Every structure is written in structure tokens, then in C-alpha cells.
Amino acid sequence: MWTVVYIAPNQKEAEKLEKMLTAEGFLVKLRTIGLPQANNSCSVEILVPESEVDEALEIINTIEV
């Protein structure tokens, strides 16, 4: 089961986090929320397997997004 660990404000931030988590060995999926706004940005959910949630949150909390 995939679990949301973070909601990024845009695709660029989501891809940055995805790259960092992947480099640490996590499986990561991105899922867009809603429709793009006027400036072509939309929020993006960052998901990891349920068994990796705690470790992924530790990584996210140590980096500055």
C-alpha cells in the first residue's frame, strides 16, 4: 500500500524530493492533486510504500524543501 508522506506545492519541488528520496533507496511515486492553476502549477502528493513511511519522513524532516 502506498502512503502520502508529503504534499509539495508544485511539480518542481515534488521532483526534487523524489530525487532525494530515491537516492536514499526509497521507492517513490508522485501523484498530482487537482487541476493546474493559472500559473500551471498544482500540488503533488509524494507517496512511499507503507513500510517505509517512518524512514522517509525522517529524511524529509532533515532536508529543507
C-alpha atoms as a PDB file:
ATOM      1  CA  MET A   1       0.000   0.000   0.000  1.00  0.00           C
ATOM      2  CA  TRP A   2       1.325   3.430  -0.935  1.00  0.00           C
ATOM      3  CA  THR A   3       1.087   6.233   1.623  1.00  0.00           C
ATOM      4  CA  VAL A   4       1.346  10.004   1.224  1.00  0.00           C
ATOM      5  CA  VAL A   5       4.298  11.382   3.191  1.00  0.00           C
ATOM      6  CA  TYR A   6       4.361  14.938   1.845  1.00  0.00           C
ATOM      7  CA  ILE A   7       2.377  17.290  -0.382  1.00  0.00           C
ATOM      8  CA  ALA A   8       4.618  19.501  -2.488  1.00  0.00           C
ATOM      9  CA  PRO A   9       3.275  22.872  -3.679  1.00  0.00           C
ATOM     10  CA  ASN A  10       4.376  22.252  -7.278  1.00  0.00           C
ATOM     11  CA  GLN A  11       5.909  19.698  -9.653  1.00  0.00           C
ATOM     12  CA  LYS A  12       9.435  21.118  -9.348  1.00  0.00           C
ATOM     13  CA  GLU A  13       9.529  20.678  -5.553  1.00  0.00           C
ATOM     14  CA  ALA A  14       7.978  17.214  -5.849  1.00  0.00           C
ATOM     15  CA  GLU A  15      10.639  16.090  -8.312  1.00  0.00           C
ATOM     16  CA  LYS A  16      13.383  17.484  -6.062  1.00  0.00           C
ATOM     17  CA  LEU A  17      12.080  15.448  -3.105  1.00  0.00           C
ATOM     18  CA  GLU A  18      11.572  12.400  -5.294  1.00  0.00           C
ATOM     19  CA  LYS A  19      15.204  12.569  -6.415  1.00  0.00           C
ATOM     20  CA  MET A  20      16.462  12.882  -2.821  1.00  0.00           C
ATOM     21  CA  LEU A  21      14.327  10.023  -1.513  1.00  0.00           C
ATOM     22  CA  THR A  22      15.237   7.788  -4.449  1.00  0.00           C
ATOM     23  CA  ALA A  23      18.929   8.485  -3.819  1.00  0.00           C
ATOM     24  CA  GLU A  24      18.369   7.215  -0.256  1.00  0.00           C
ATOM     25  CA  GLY A  25      16.915   3.974  -1.629  1.00  0.00           C
ATOM     26  CA  PHE A  26      13.183   4.628  -1.304  1.00  0.00           C
ATOM     27  CA  LEU A  27      10.547   3.691  -3.840  1.00  0.00           C
ATOM     28  CA  VAL A  28       8.650   6.890  -4.666  1.00  0.00           C
ATOM     29  CA  LYS A  29       5.511   7.748  -6.644  1.00  0.00           C
ATOM     30  CA  LEU A  30       4.212  11.220  -7.480  1.00  0.00           C
ATOM     31  CA  ARG A  31       0.502  11.962  -7.838  1.00  0.00           C
ATOM     32  CA  THR A  32      -0.906  15.298  -8.995  1.00  0.00           C
ATOM     33  CA  ILE A  33      -3.759  16.771  -6.957  1.00  0.00           C
ATOM     34  CA  GLY A  34      -6.483  18.572  -8.867  1.00  0.00           C
ATOM     35  CA  LEU A  35      -6.132  20.691 -11.966  1.00  0.00           C
ATOM     36  CA  PRO A  36      -3.284  23.091 -12.781  1.00  0.00           C
ATOM     37  CA  GLN A  37      -3.842  26.666 -11.644  1.00  0.00           C
ATOM     38  CA  ALA A  38      -3.406  29.809 -13.780  1.00  0.00           C
ATOM     39  CA  ASN A  39       0.382  29.668 -13.348  1.00  0.00           C
ATOM     40  CA  ASN A  40       0.427  25.996 -14.498  1.00  0.00           C
ATOM     41  CA  SER A  41       1.291  24.661 -11.041  1.00  0.00           C
ATOM     42  CA  CYS A  42      -0.596  22.235  -8.866  1.00  0.00           C
ATOM     43  CA  SER A  43       0.091  20.362  -5.673  1.00  0.00           C
ATOM     44  CA  VAL A  44       1.735  16.950  -5.922  1.00  0.00           C
ATOM     45  CA  GLU A  45       1.500  14.119  -3.411  1.00  0.00           C
ATOM     46  CA  ILE A  46       4.684  12.197  -2.648  1.00  0.00           C
ATOM     47  CA  LEU A  47       3.981   8.576  -1.824  1.00  0.00           C
ATOM     48  CA  VAL A  48       6.161   5.765  -0.488  1.00  0.00           C
ATOM     49  CA  PRO A  49       5.322   2.177   0.482  1.00  0.00           C
ATOM     50  CA  GLU A  50       3.607   1.987   3.873  1.00  0.00           C
ATOM     51  CA  SER A  51       6.536   0.045   5.344  1.00  0.00           C
ATOM     52  CA  GLU A  52       8.921   2.934   4.551  1.00  0.00           C
ATOM     53  CA  VAL A  53       6.838   5.865   5.856  1.00  0.00           C
ATOM     54  CA  ASP A  54       8.722   6.488   9.109  1.00  0.00           C
ATOM     55  CA  GLU A  55      12.140   6.399   7.458  1.00  0.00           C
ATOM     56  CA  ALA A  56      11.000   8.607   4.567  1.00  0.00           C
ATOM     57  CA  LEU A  57       9.567  11.181   6.991  1.00  0.00           C
ATOM     58  CA  GLU A  58      12.890  11.291   8.839  1.00  0.00           C
ATOM     59  CA  ILE A  59      14.660  12.119   5.556  1.00  0.00           C
ATOM     60  CA  ILE A  60      12.053  14.728   4.593  1.00  0.00           C
ATOM     61  CA  ASN A  61      12.325  16.383   8.006  1.00  0.00           C
ATOM     62  CA  THR A  62      16.121  16.677   7.719  1.00  0.00           C
ATOM     63  CA  ILE A  63      16.126  18.419   4.334  1.00  0.00           C
ATOM     64  CA  GLU A  64      14.976  21.905   3.543  1.00  0.00           C
ATOM     65  CA  VAL A  65      12.326  21.903   0.820  1.00  0.00           C
END
